[in-house]
Amino acid sequence: MREHKKCMALLLASVLIIALVPAVFAQEGKKININQAPVEELTQMKGIGATYAERIVQFREANGPFSCPEDIMKVPGIGVKIFEANKDIITVK
């Protein structure tokens, strides 16, 4: 019986890993266009919650599109730390 439980636990762990791996790799190559992304998509960035996402949208509506990814640091409250955490996924094209 103990051997059966170990096998079931191993099988369950394997199924979970197989189910989650594609989702992890799908997110890895995804870019977020800060000139077009809605609030919901912007919140997928590290350190960006609903409040900062709203600020990004408001900033681009008031000032026009971002010229380069670094321009996100012009949004109040978003600094180097948040930019560095997300620089690989931010795009403006």
N, C-alpha and C. Protein backbone atom coordinates (compact mmCIF):
# COMPACT_ATOMS: atom_id res chain seq x y z
N MET A 1 0.83 -1.20 0.00
CA MET A 1 0.00 0.00 0.00
C MET A 1 0.87 1.26 0.00
N ARG A 2 1.95 1.23 0.76
CA ARG A 2 2.84 2.39 0.83
C ARG A 2 3.47 2.65 -0.53
N GLU A 3 3.84 1.59 -1.23
CA GLU A 3 4.42 1.71 -2.56
C GLU A 3 3.41 2.31 -3.53
N HIS A 4 2.16 1.94 -3.39
CA HIS A 4 1.08 2.46 -4.23
C HIS A 4 0.93 3.97 -4.03
N LYS A 5 1.01 4.44 -2.80
CA LYS A 5 0.89 5.88 -2.52
C LYS A 5 2.05 6.66 -3.12
N LYS A 6 3.25 6.08 -3.04
CA LYS A 6 4.42 6.74 -3.63
C LYS A 6 4.27 6.87 -5.14
N CYS A 7 3.78 5.81 -5.76
CA CYS A 7 3.59 5.83 -7.21
C CYS A 7 2.53 6.86 -7.61
N MET A 8 1.46 6.92 -6.85
CA MET A 8 0.40 7.89 -7.14
C MET A 8 0.90 9.32 -6.96
N ALA A 9 1.68 9.56 -5.93
CA ALA A 9 2.23 10.89 -5.69
C ALA A 9 3.18 11.28 -6.82
N LEU A 10 4.01 10.36 -7.25
CA LEU A 10 4.93 10.61 -8.35
C LEU A 10 4.17 10.87 -9.65
N LEU A 11 3.15 10.10 -9.89
CA LEU A 11 2.33 10.28 -11.08
C LEU A 11 1.65 11.65 -11.07
N LEU A 12 1.10 12.03 -9.94
CA LEU A 12 0.44 13.33 -9.82
C LEU A 12 1.42 14.47 -10.03
N ALA A 13 2.60 14.37 -9.45
CA ALA A 13 3.62 15.40 -9.63
C ALA A 13 4.03 15.50 -11.09
N SER A 14 4.17 14.38 -11.74
CA SER A 14 4.54 14.37 -13.17
C SER A 14 3.48 15.03 -14.03
N VAL A 15 2.23 14.73 -13.74
CA VAL A 15 1.13 15.33 -14.50
C VAL A 15 1.11 16.84 -14.31
N LEU A 16 1.30 17.31 -13.09
CA LEU A 16 1.32 18.75 -12.83
C LEU A 16 2.46 19.43 -13.57
N ILE A 17 3.62 18.83 -13.55
CA ILE A 17 4.77 19.41 -14.24
C ILE A 17 4.51 19.47 -15.75
N ILE A 18 4.01 18.40 -16.30
CA ILE A 18 3.72 18.37 -17.74
C ILE A 18 2.66 19.40 -18.11
N ALA A 19 1.69 19.60 -17.23
CA ALA A 19 0.63 20.56 -17.51
C ALA A 19 1.12 22.00 -17.41
N LEU A 20 2.06 22.28 -16.52
CA LEU A 20 2.51 23.65 -16.29
C LEU A 20 3.64 24.10 -17.20
N VAL A 21 4.46 23.21 -17.70
CA VAL A 21 5.62 23.57 -18.51
C VAL A 21 5.23 24.39 -19.75
N PRO A 22 4.23 24.00 -20.53
CA PRO A 22 3.88 24.82 -21.70
C PRO A 22 3.46 26.24 -21.34
N ALA A 23 2.76 26.41 -20.24
CA ALA A 23 2.33 27.74 -19.82
C ALA A 23 3.53 28.61 -19.46
N VAL A 24 4.50 28.04 -18.82
CA VAL A 24 5.71 28.79 -18.44
C VAL A 24 6.46 29.22 -19.68
N PHE A 25 6.64 28.31 -20.63
CA PHE A 25 7.37 28.66 -21.85
C PHE A 25 6.59 29.62 -22.72
N ALA A 26 5.27 29.57 -22.72
CA ALA A 26 4.46 30.50 -23.50
C ALA A 26 4.63 31.92 -22.99
N GLN A 27 4.72 32.10 -21.68
CA GLN A 27 4.88 33.42 -21.09
C GLN A 27 6.28 33.97 -21.33
N GLU A 28 7.26 33.09 -21.44
CA GLU A 28 8.65 33.50 -21.53
C GLU A 28 8.94 34.40 -22.73
N GLY A 29 8.40 34.09 -23.91
CA GLY A 29 8.69 34.85 -25.10
C GLY A 29 7.71 35.98 -25.36
N LYS A 30 6.74 36.17 -24.50
CA LYS A 30 5.69 37.15 -24.71
C LYS A 30 6.18 38.56 -24.38
N LYS A 31 5.93 39.47 -25.30
CA LYS A 31 6.24 40.88 -25.10
C LYS A 31 4.95 41.62 -24.77
N ILE A 32 5.09 42.69 -24.00
CA ILE A 32 3.94 43.53 -23.68
C ILE A 32 4.18 44.90 -24.30
N ASN A 33 3.29 45.28 -25.21
CA ASN A 33 3.39 46.56 -25.88
C ASN A 33 2.75 47.62 -24.97
N ILE A 34 3.58 48.44 -24.36
CA ILE A 34 3.07 49.44 -23.40
C ILE A 34 2.30 50.56 -24.09
N ASN A 35 2.33 50.60 -25.42
CA ASN A 35 1.53 51.59 -26.15
C ASN A 35 0.13 51.10 -26.47
N GLN A 36 -0.10 49.81 -26.34
CA GLN A 36 -1.39 49.24 -26.72
C GLN A 36 -2.04 48.37 -25.65
N ALA A 37 -1.28 47.86 -24.73
CA ALA A 37 -1.80 46.88 -23.76
C ALA A 37 -2.85 47.50 -22.85
N PRO A 38 -3.93 46.76 -22.61
CA PRO A 38 -4.92 47.21 -21.63
C PRO A 38 -4.40 46.99 -20.21
N VAL A 39 -5.10 47.53 -19.25
CA VAL A 39 -4.70 47.44 -17.84
C VAL A 39 -4.44 45.99 -17.44
N GLU A 40 -5.32 45.08 -17.84
CA GLU A 40 -5.20 43.68 -17.45
C GLU A 40 -3.88 43.08 -17.91
N GLU A 41 -3.46 43.42 -19.12
CA GLU A 41 -2.20 42.88 -19.64
C GLU A 41 -1.00 43.54 -18.96
N LEU A 42 -1.09 44.83 -18.70
CA LEU A 42 0.01 45.54 -18.05
C LEU A 42 0.28 44.99 -16.65
N THR A 43 -0.74 44.51 -15.98
CA THR A 43 -0.55 43.97 -14.63
C THR A 43 0.21 42.65 -14.62
N GLN A 44 0.48 42.09 -15.78
CA GLN A 44 1.28 40.87 -15.85
C GLN A 44 2.77 41.16 -15.68
N MET A 45 3.14 42.43 -15.73
CA MET A 45 4.54 42.78 -15.54
C MET A 45 4.87 42.76 -14.04
N LYS A 46 6.12 42.49 -13.74
CA LYS A 46 6.57 42.45 -12.35
C LYS A 46 6.49 43.84 -11.73
N GLY A 47 5.89 43.94 -10.56
CA GLY A 47 5.80 45.20 -9.84
C GLY A 47 4.72 46.14 -10.33
N ILE A 48 3.93 45.70 -11.30
CA ILE A 48 2.85 46.54 -11.85
C ILE A 48 1.51 45.96 -11.42
N GLY A 49 0.86 46.69 -10.53
CA GLY A 49 -0.49 46.32 -10.11
C GLY A 49 -1.49 47.17 -10.88
N ALA A 50 -2.73 47.10 -10.48
CA ALA A 50 -3.79 47.83 -11.18
C ALA A 50 -3.55 49.34 -11.16
N THR A 51 -3.05 49.87 -10.05
CA THR A 51 -2.83 51.32 -9.94
C THR A 51 -1.77 51.79 -10.92
N TYR A 52 -0.63 51.11 -10.96
CA TYR A 52 0.43 51.50 -11.90
C TYR A 52 -0.01 51.27 -13.34
N ALA A 53 -0.75 50.20 -13.59
CA ALA A 53 -1.23 49.93 -14.95
C ALA A 53 -2.14 51.07 -15.42
N GLU A 54 -3.00 51.53 -14.53
CA GLU A 54 -3.88 52.67 -14.86
C GLU A 54 -3.04 53.91 -15.16
N ARG A 55 -1.99 54.12 -14.38
CA ARG A 55 -1.12 55.28 -14.62
C ARG A 55 -0.44 55.20 -15.98
N ILE A 56 -0.04 54.01 -16.38
CA ILE A 56 0.59 53.83 -17.69
C ILE A 56 -0.40 54.22 -18.79
N VAL A 57 -1.62 53.71 -18.69
CA VAL A 57 -2.64 54.02 -19.68
C VAL A 57 -2.94 55.52 -19.70
N GLN A 58 -3.12 56.12 -18.53
CA GLN A 58 -3.40 57.56 -18.45
C GLN A 58 -2.24 58.37 -19.02
N PHE A 59 -1.02 57.96 -18.72
CA PHE A 59 0.15 58.68 -19.21
C PHE A 59 0.21 58.66 -20.73
N ARG A 60 -0.01 57.50 -21.34
CA ARG A 60 0.07 57.42 -22.81
C ARG A 60 -1.10 58.14 -23.46
N GLU A 61 -2.26 58.18 -22.80
CA GLU A 61 -3.39 58.93 -23.34
C GLU A 61 -3.13 60.44 -23.29
N ALA A 62 -2.46 60.89 -22.24
CA ALA A 62 -2.19 62.32 -22.08
C ALA A 62 -0.97 62.78 -22.88
N ASN A 63 0.02 61.90 -23.07
CA ASN A 63 1.30 62.31 -23.66
C ASN A 63 1.62 61.65 -24.99
N GLY A 64 0.77 60.79 -25.47
CA GLY A 64 1.05 60.08 -26.71
C GLY A 64 1.83 58.81 -26.43
N PRO A 65 2.16 58.09 -27.50
CA PRO A 65 2.83 56.80 -27.32
C PRO A 65 4.24 56.94 -26.78
N PHE A 66 4.67 55.87 -26.11
CA PHE A 66 6.04 55.80 -25.61
C PHE A 66 6.97 55.59 -26.81
N SER A 67 8.09 56.27 -26.83
CA SER A 67 9.05 56.15 -27.94
C SER A 67 9.97 54.95 -27.78
N CYS A 68 10.30 54.63 -26.54
CA CYS A 68 11.19 53.51 -26.25
C CYS A 68 10.77 52.89 -24.91
N PRO A 69 11.16 51.66 -24.66
CA PRO A 69 10.78 51.00 -23.41
C PRO A 69 11.16 51.79 -22.15
N GLU A 70 12.29 52.48 -22.20
CA GLU A 70 12.77 53.25 -21.04
C GLU A 70 11.80 54.38 -20.65
N ASP A 71 10.98 54.81 -21.61
CA ASP A 71 10.03 55.89 -21.34
C ASP A 71 9.00 55.53 -20.27
N ILE A 72 8.87 54.24 -19.98
CA ILE A 72 7.92 53.84 -18.94
C ILE A 72 8.30 54.46 -17.59
N MET A 73 9.59 54.81 -17.45
CA MET A 73 10.05 55.42 -16.19
C MET A 73 9.57 56.87 -16.05
N LYS A 74 8.95 57.41 -17.07
CA LYS A 74 8.36 58.75 -16.98
C LYS A 74 7.02 58.71 -16.25
N VAL A 75 6.45 57.52 -16.12
CA VAL A 75 5.18 57.35 -15.42
C VAL A 75 5.45 57.48 -13.93
N PRO A 76 4.71 58.34 -13.24
CA PRO A 76 4.94 58.53 -11.81
C PRO A 76 4.89 57.21 -11.03
N GLY A 77 5.93 56.97 -10.25
CA GLY A 77 6.00 55.78 -9.41
C GLY A 77 6.75 54.62 -10.04
N ILE A 78 7.01 54.70 -11.34
CA ILE A 78 7.74 53.61 -12.01
C ILE A 78 9.17 54.07 -12.22
N GLY A 79 10.08 53.38 -11.57
CA GLY A 79 11.48 53.76 -11.64
C GLY A 79 12.34 52.68 -12.24
N VAL A 80 13.62 52.82 -12.00
CA VAL A 80 14.62 51.92 -12.57
C VAL A 80 14.38 50.47 -12.15
N LYS A 81 14.02 50.25 -10.90
CA LYS A 81 13.85 48.89 -10.39
C LYS A 81 12.75 48.14 -11.17
N ILE A 82 11.61 48.79 -11.36
CA ILE A 82 10.52 48.14 -12.10
C ILE A 82 10.90 47.98 -13.57
N PHE A 83 11.53 49.01 -14.14
CA PHE A 83 11.96 48.90 -15.54
C PHE A 83 12.93 47.73 -15.72
N GLU A 84 13.92 47.64 -14.86
CA GLU A 84 14.92 46.56 -14.97
C GLU A 84 14.28 45.18 -14.85
N ALA A 85 13.26 45.06 -14.00
CA ALA A 85 12.59 43.78 -13.82
C ALA A 85 11.79 43.37 -15.06
N ASN A 86 11.44 44.33 -15.89
CA ASN A 86 10.57 44.07 -17.03
C ASN A 86 11.16 44.40 -18.39
N LYS A 87 12.37 44.90 -18.44
CA LYS A 87 12.92 45.42 -19.70
C LYS A 87 12.94 44.40 -20.83
N ASP A 88 13.03 43.14 -20.52
CA ASP A 88 13.08 42.11 -21.55
C ASP A 88 11.71 41.81 -22.18
N ILE A 89 10.64 42.22 -21.52
CA ILE A 89 9.31 41.93 -22.07
C ILE A 89 8.59 43.18 -22.56
N ILE A 90 9.14 44.36 -22.32
CA ILE A 90 8.49 45.59 -22.75
C ILE A 90 8.85 45.90 -24.19
N THR A 91 7.83 46.24 -24.97
CA THR A 91 8.04 46.69 -26.33
C THR A 91 7.14 47.90 -26.58
N VAL A 92 7.50 48.70 -27.57
CA VAL A 92 6.69 49.86 -27.95
C VAL A 92 6.23 49.74 -29.39
N LYS A 93 6.53 48.63 -30.05
CA LYS A 93 6.18 48.40 -31.46
C LYS A 93 5.02 47.47 -31.60
